[in-house]
N, C-alpha and C. Protein backbone atom coordinates (compact mmCIF):
# COMPACT_ATOMS: atom_id res chain seq x y z
N MET A 1 -19.64 41.75 -13.97
CA MET A 1 -18.88 42.16 -12.83
C MET A 1 -20.21 42.90 -12.29
N ARG A 2 -20.44 42.19 -11.03
CA ARG A 2 -20.88 43.58 -9.76
C ARG A 2 -20.36 44.41 -9.45
N PRO A 3 -20.68 46.08 -9.16
CA PRO A 3 -19.84 47.19 -8.73
C PRO A 3 -19.92 46.68 -7.10
N SER A 4 -18.78 47.34 -6.87
CA SER A 4 -18.63 46.78 -5.20
C SER A 4 -19.53 48.26 -4.66
N PRO A 5 -20.31 47.40 -3.21
CA PRO A 5 -20.84 48.12 -2.90
C PRO A 5 -20.45 49.41 -1.98
N ILE A 6 -21.52 50.54 -1.96
CA ILE A 6 -20.67 51.68 -1.15
C ILE A 6 -21.46 51.90 0.13
N ILE A 7 -20.31 51.73 1.09
CA ILE A 7 -20.91 52.07 2.28
C ILE A 7 -20.61 53.40 2.59
N GLY A 8 -21.98 53.77 3.54
CA GLY A 8 -21.75 54.91 4.31
C GLY A 8 -20.95 55.33 5.52
N ILE A 9 -19.88 55.96 5.75
CA ILE A 9 -19.49 55.97 7.37
C ILE A 9 -19.81 57.30 7.96
N VAL A 10 -20.22 57.21 8.74
CA VAL A 10 -20.70 58.75 9.42
C VAL A 10 -20.32 58.47 10.91
N ASP A 11 -19.19 59.45 11.29
CA ASP A 11 -18.40 59.17 12.36
C ASP A 11 -17.78 61.00 12.55
N ASP A 12 -17.89 61.57 13.86
CA ASP A 12 -17.28 62.70 13.84
C ASP A 12 -15.84 62.96 14.04
N ASP A 13 -15.11 61.35 14.46
CA ASP A 13 -13.81 61.41 14.71
C ASP A 13 -13.01 61.13 13.57
N PRO A 14 -12.14 62.14 12.53
CA PRO A 14 -11.53 61.83 11.62
C PRO A 14 -10.64 60.60 11.61
N ASP A 15 -10.18 60.00 12.92
CA ASP A 15 -9.48 59.02 12.72
C ASP A 15 -10.00 57.68 12.60
N VAL A 16 -11.21 57.46 13.04
CA VAL A 16 -12.12 56.40 12.91
C VAL A 16 -12.74 56.45 11.71
N ARG A 17 -13.09 57.36 10.93
CA ARG A 17 -13.51 57.70 9.55
C ARG A 17 -12.56 57.28 8.89
N ARG A 18 -11.17 57.40 8.79
CA ARG A 18 -9.95 56.97 7.88
C ARG A 18 -9.81 55.59 8.34
N SER A 19 -10.09 55.16 9.49
CA SER A 19 -9.52 53.27 9.85
C SER A 19 -10.79 52.81 9.07
N LEU A 20 -12.21 53.16 9.47
CA LEU A 20 -12.99 52.34 8.54
C LEU A 20 -13.40 52.53 7.57
N ASP A 21 -12.78 53.46 6.64
CA ASP A 21 -12.49 53.55 5.21
C ASP A 21 -11.97 52.95 4.78
N SER A 22 -10.60 52.66 5.62
CA SER A 22 -9.45 51.55 5.20
C SER A 22 -10.02 49.94 5.22
N LEU A 23 -11.06 49.64 6.55
CA LEU A 23 -11.05 48.64 6.37
C LEU A 23 -12.24 48.22 5.45
N VAL A 24 -13.15 48.71 5.37
CA VAL A 24 -14.14 48.60 4.16
C VAL A 24 -13.32 48.81 2.91
N ARG A 25 -12.20 49.51 2.01
CA ARG A 25 -11.36 49.15 1.11
C ARG A 25 -11.30 47.95 1.16
N SER A 26 -10.28 47.67 2.20
CA SER A 26 -9.41 46.12 2.40
C SER A 26 -10.78 44.93 2.12
N ALA A 27 -11.63 45.09 2.16
CA ALA A 27 -12.71 44.15 2.20
C ALA A 27 -13.50 44.20 0.20
N GLY A 28 -12.84 44.78 -0.46
CA GLY A 28 -13.10 45.09 -1.83
C GLY A 28 -14.42 46.20 -1.97
N MET A 29 -14.97 46.91 -0.97
CA MET A 29 -16.31 47.81 -0.88
C MET A 29 -15.58 49.14 -0.91
N THR A 30 -16.18 50.32 -1.24
CA THR A 30 -15.78 51.09 -1.17
C THR A 30 -16.79 52.06 -0.27
N ALA A 31 -15.97 53.23 0.24
CA ALA A 31 -16.69 53.95 1.60
C ALA A 31 -16.59 55.40 1.36
N ARG A 32 -17.88 56.07 1.50
CA ARG A 32 -18.04 57.27 1.49
C ARG A 32 -18.45 57.74 2.84
N CYS A 33 -17.27 59.04 3.36
CA CYS A 33 -17.17 59.14 4.61
C CYS A 33 -17.73 60.32 4.74
N PHE A 34 -18.51 60.70 6.33
CA PHE A 34 -19.41 61.96 6.56
C PHE A 34 -19.09 62.35 8.02
N ALA A 35 -18.79 63.39 8.18
CA ALA A 35 -18.28 63.84 9.35
C ALA A 35 -19.61 64.08 10.56
N SER A 36 -20.86 64.24 9.86
CA SER A 36 -21.77 64.32 10.75
C SER A 36 -22.87 63.56 9.80
N ALA A 37 -23.94 63.35 10.75
CA ALA A 37 -25.50 63.15 9.95
C ALA A 37 -25.60 64.34 9.45
N GLU A 38 -25.64 65.31 9.44
CA GLU A 38 -26.21 66.45 8.55
C GLU A 38 -25.40 66.33 7.39
N ASP A 39 -24.69 66.03 7.54
CA ASP A 39 -23.30 65.91 6.26
C ASP A 39 -24.04 64.57 5.02
N LEU A 40 -24.21 63.40 5.76
CA LEU A 40 -25.06 62.45 4.95
C LEU A 40 -26.22 62.93 4.79
N LEU A 41 -27.33 63.64 5.37
CA LEU A 41 -28.94 64.07 4.94
C LEU A 41 -28.46 64.69 4.01
N ASP A 42 -27.35 65.94 3.73
CA ASP A 42 -27.80 67.04 2.59
C ASP A 42 -26.90 66.46 1.57
N ASP A 43 -26.55 65.06 1.48
CA ASP A 43 -25.67 64.57 0.56
C ASP A 43 -26.67 63.98 -0.58
N ALA A 44 -26.82 64.66 -1.97
CA ALA A 44 -27.64 64.23 -2.89
C ALA A 44 -26.85 62.95 -3.43
N GLY A 45 -25.85 62.21 -3.09
CA GLY A 45 -25.53 60.96 -3.71
C GLY A 45 -25.99 59.79 -2.73
N GLN A 46 -26.81 59.93 -1.62
CA GLN A 46 -26.89 59.19 -0.84
C GLN A 46 -27.63 58.04 -1.35
N ALA A 47 -28.43 58.13 -2.03
CA ALA A 47 -29.21 57.15 -3.04
C ALA A 47 -28.17 55.88 -2.91
N ALA A 48 -26.98 55.98 -3.53
CA ALA A 48 -25.71 55.04 -3.88
C ALA A 48 -25.43 53.94 -2.98
N LEU A 49 -25.69 54.57 -1.65
CA LEU A 49 -25.26 53.71 -0.50
C LEU A 49 -25.97 52.36 -0.27
N ALA A 50 -24.93 51.14 -0.01
CA ALA A 50 -25.56 49.80 0.31
C ALA A 50 -26.20 49.90 1.57
N CYS A 51 -25.37 50.53 2.76
CA CYS A 51 -25.73 50.60 4.02
C CYS A 51 -24.77 51.61 4.38
N ILE A 52 -25.35 52.17 5.59
CA ILE A 52 -25.15 53.26 6.69
C ILE A 52 -24.44 52.81 7.74
N VAL A 53 -23.13 52.92 7.92
CA VAL A 53 -22.25 52.75 9.61
C VAL A 53 -22.45 54.06 10.03
N THR A 54 -22.99 54.27 11.57
CA THR A 54 -22.85 55.27 11.97
C THR A 54 -22.54 55.37 13.35
N ASP A 55 -22.09 56.45 13.99
CA ASP A 55 -21.29 56.55 15.35
C ASP A 55 -22.94 56.71 16.05
N LEU A 56 -23.04 56.57 17.34
CA LEU A 56 -23.96 56.62 18.19
C LEU A 56 -23.97 58.41 18.70
N HIS A 57 -22.88 58.48 19.40
CA HIS A 57 -23.07 59.95 19.74
C HIS A 57 -22.03 60.83 19.15
N MET A 58 -22.63 61.90 18.59
CA MET A 58 -22.25 62.64 17.81
C MET A 58 -22.65 64.19 18.10
N PRO A 59 -21.91 65.38 17.93
CA PRO A 59 -22.63 66.43 17.51
C PRO A 59 -23.67 66.71 17.03
N GLY A 60 -24.67 67.54 17.07
CA GLY A 60 -25.86 67.65 16.31
C GLY A 60 -26.70 66.35 16.60
N LEU A 61 -26.94 65.79 15.80
CA LEU A 61 -28.05 64.86 15.42
C LEU A 61 -26.89 63.32 15.71
N THR A 62 -27.82 62.29 16.54
CA THR A 62 -26.98 61.60 17.09
C THR A 62 -27.49 60.15 16.19
N GLY A 63 -26.55 59.20 16.44
CA GLY A 63 -26.84 58.37 15.36
C GLY A 63 -28.37 57.78 15.42
N LEU A 64 -28.88 57.67 16.67
CA LEU A 64 -30.19 57.44 16.47
C LEU A 64 -31.08 58.11 16.14
N ASP A 65 -30.92 59.76 15.71
CA ASP A 65 -31.41 60.72 15.38
C ASP A 65 -31.54 60.42 13.71
N LEU A 66 -30.33 60.22 13.32
CA LEU A 66 -30.17 59.63 12.32
C LEU A 66 -30.58 58.95 11.45
N GLN A 67 -30.80 57.25 12.25
CA GLN A 67 -31.76 56.33 12.17
C GLN A 67 -33.10 56.66 11.86
N ALA A 68 -33.69 57.42 12.52
CA ALA A 68 -34.76 57.93 12.47
C ALA A 68 -35.37 58.62 11.33
N GLU A 69 -34.09 59.64 11.23
CA GLU A 69 -34.56 60.64 9.96
C GLU A 69 -34.46 59.99 8.93
N ILE A 70 -33.42 58.32 8.58
CA ILE A 70 -33.51 57.85 7.37
C ILE A 70 -34.70 57.01 7.29
N ALA A 71 -35.55 56.56 8.38
CA ALA A 71 -36.77 56.06 8.18
C ALA A 71 -37.94 56.95 7.56
N ARG A 72 -37.50 58.25 8.30
CA ARG A 72 -38.76 58.97 8.02
C ARG A 72 -38.94 59.71 6.29
N ARG A 73 -37.37 59.60 5.83
CA ARG A 73 -37.43 59.97 4.43
C ARG A 73 -37.74 58.85 3.76
N GLY A 74 -37.84 57.58 4.19
CA GLY A 74 -38.31 56.31 3.22
C GLY A 74 -36.54 55.63 2.72
N TRP A 75 -35.58 56.39 3.02
CA TRP A 75 -34.40 55.92 2.56
C TRP A 75 -34.69 54.16 2.78
N ARG A 76 -33.85 53.48 1.94
CA ARG A 76 -33.96 51.81 2.32
C ARG A 76 -32.66 51.32 2.84
N GLN A 77 -31.99 52.11 3.32
CA GLN A 77 -30.22 51.79 3.10
C GLN A 77 -30.39 51.41 4.93
N PRO A 78 -30.06 49.85 4.86
CA PRO A 78 -29.83 49.30 6.52
C PRO A 78 -28.64 50.01 7.10
N VAL A 79 -28.99 50.07 8.54
CA VAL A 79 -28.24 51.22 9.57
C VAL A 79 -27.77 50.08 10.32
N ILE A 80 -25.90 50.41 10.34
CA ILE A 80 -25.51 49.54 11.69
C ILE A 80 -25.15 50.75 12.53
N LEU A 81 -25.16 51.09 14.00
CA LEU A 81 -24.69 51.69 14.98
C LEU A 81 -24.06 50.91 15.65
N MET A 82 -23.00 52.21 15.98
CA MET A 82 -21.34 51.77 16.83
C MET A 82 -21.22 52.90 17.82
N THR A 83 -20.72 52.62 19.25
CA THR A 83 -20.50 53.39 19.88
C THR A 83 -19.35 53.17 21.05
N ALA A 84 -18.81 53.84 21.73
CA ALA A 84 -18.23 53.65 22.53
C ALA A 84 -18.59 53.55 24.18
N TYR A 85 -20.03 53.69 23.98
CA TYR A 85 -20.60 54.13 25.15
C TYR A 85 -21.85 53.31 25.27
N PRO A 86 -21.90 52.24 25.05
CA PRO A 86 -23.17 51.23 24.56
C PRO A 86 -24.15 51.20 26.42
N THR A 87 -25.42 51.26 25.77
CA THR A 87 -26.26 51.06 26.77
C THR A 87 -27.46 50.02 26.45
N ASN A 88 -27.89 49.65 27.29
CA ASN A 88 -28.90 48.76 27.02
C ASN A 88 -30.17 49.54 26.49
N SER A 89 -30.49 50.79 27.00
CA SER A 89 -31.69 51.21 26.49
C SER A 89 -31.19 51.48 24.91
N ALA A 90 -30.15 52.31 24.60
CA ALA A 90 -29.89 52.52 23.18
C ALA A 90 -29.61 51.42 22.03
N ARG A 91 -29.08 50.18 22.78
CA ARG A 91 -28.95 49.33 21.84
C ARG A 91 -30.62 48.98 21.37
N GLY A 92 -31.49 48.65 22.37
CA GLY A 92 -32.90 48.63 22.30
C GLY A 92 -33.59 49.13 21.68
N GLN A 93 -33.57 50.54 21.54
CA GLN A 93 -33.86 51.50 21.05
C GLN A 93 -33.26 51.32 19.45
N ALA A 94 -32.05 51.08 18.89
CA ALA A 94 -31.61 51.08 17.53
C ALA A 94 -32.12 49.44 17.04
N LEU A 95 -31.92 48.66 17.59
CA LEU A 95 -32.66 47.48 17.34
C LEU A 95 -33.98 47.23 16.97
N ALA A 96 -35.03 47.96 17.73
CA ALA A 96 -35.97 47.93 17.62
C ALA A 96 -36.66 48.94 16.53
N ALA A 97 -35.50 50.17 16.11
CA ALA A 97 -35.95 50.82 14.79
C ALA A 97 -35.44 50.40 13.82
N GLY A 98 -35.04 48.88 13.55
CA GLY A 98 -34.70 48.34 12.41
C GLY A 98 -33.11 48.24 12.39
N ALA A 99 -32.21 48.70 13.35
CA ALA A 99 -30.70 48.55 12.89
C ALA A 99 -30.37 46.91 12.94
N VAL A 100 -29.19 47.01 12.15
CA VAL A 100 -28.53 45.54 11.85
C VAL A 100 -27.90 44.78 12.68
N ALA A 101 -26.94 46.06 13.43
CA ALA A 101 -26.37 45.76 13.89
C ALA A 101 -26.07 46.91 15.15
N PHE A 102 -25.85 46.57 16.52
CA PHE A 102 -25.24 47.56 17.60
C PHE A 102 -24.10 47.10 18.17
N LEU A 103 -22.99 47.58 17.66
CA LEU A 103 -21.61 47.08 17.97
C LEU A 103 -20.74 48.32 18.87
N SER A 104 -20.17 47.70 19.90
CA SER A 104 -19.58 48.50 20.79
C SER A 104 -17.57 48.98 20.17
N LYS A 105 -17.11 50.05 20.22
CA LYS A 105 -15.95 50.46 20.22
C LYS A 105 -15.18 50.53 21.35
N PRO A 106 -13.55 49.88 20.75
CA PRO A 106 -13.17 49.74 19.47
C PRO A 106 -13.99 48.53 18.89
N VAL A 107 -14.56 48.97 17.65
CA VAL A 107 -15.43 47.59 16.95
C VAL A 107 -14.42 46.46 16.34
N ASP A 108 -14.88 45.56 16.68
CA ASP A 108 -14.04 44.20 15.84
C ASP A 108 -14.07 44.43 14.45
N PRO A 109 -13.32 44.52 13.79
CA PRO A 109 -13.45 44.61 12.42
C PRO A 109 -13.95 43.41 11.54
N ASP A 110 -13.73 42.12 12.22
CA ASP A 110 -14.73 40.94 11.42
C ASP A 110 -16.02 41.17 11.97
N ALA A 111 -16.68 41.67 12.94
CA ALA A 111 -17.96 41.70 13.34
C ALA A 111 -18.67 42.67 12.18
N LEU A 112 -17.87 44.15 12.26
CA LEU A 112 -18.49 45.03 11.29
C LEU A 112 -18.68 44.61 9.75
N LEU A 113 -17.34 43.98 9.17
CA LEU A 113 -17.87 43.26 7.99
C LEU A 113 -18.33 42.51 7.80
N ASP A 114 -18.85 41.61 8.81
CA ASP A 114 -19.92 40.42 8.78
C ASP A 114 -21.26 41.07 8.54
N ALA A 115 -21.74 42.28 9.44
CA ALA A 115 -22.82 43.29 9.51
C ALA A 115 -22.95 43.85 8.07
N ILE A 116 -21.71 44.42 7.57
CA ILE A 116 -21.69 44.90 6.28
C ILE A 116 -22.23 44.02 5.29
N GLU A 117 -21.67 42.77 5.10
CA GLU A 117 -21.73 41.57 4.11
C GLU A 117 -22.86 41.18 4.34
N GLN A 118 -23.60 41.20 5.38
CA GLN A 118 -25.02 40.45 5.82
C GLN A 118 -25.92 41.39 4.60
N VAL A 119 -25.82 42.68 4.68
CA VAL A 119 -26.72 43.64 3.84
C VAL A 119 -26.42 44.44 2.63
N ALA A 120 -24.95 44.34 2.74
CA ALA A 120 -24.72 45.13 1.33
C ALA A 120 -23.83 43.93 0.19
N GLY A 121 -23.66 42.84 0.62
CA GLY A 121 -22.33 41.69 0.28
C GLY A 121 -23.44 41.32 -1.14
């Protein structure tokens, strides 16, 4: 039996992290939650992550900054960005840099799970 994928969740809002953790677990996957992009980047266990779901607007490094740093480091995890304040510019930048999905908050649970399962399932 294959182990369940581990999904990295990066959001500065603890309620969003708890909600996404519950959603991911309900789909039979495991979540590892991080309060900031910096916390994820400092984590020694990042290689175990099947994909990374991140908020766009956070203090410190933004989701786009995180996406760029993941690419710079040569990490292979697909990135899914989400935001309560979507703009065409941010969407275009994220997708051009290889994001799997760019979702608006509140995130449709089915759309998020579909995007995760597309790359990690």
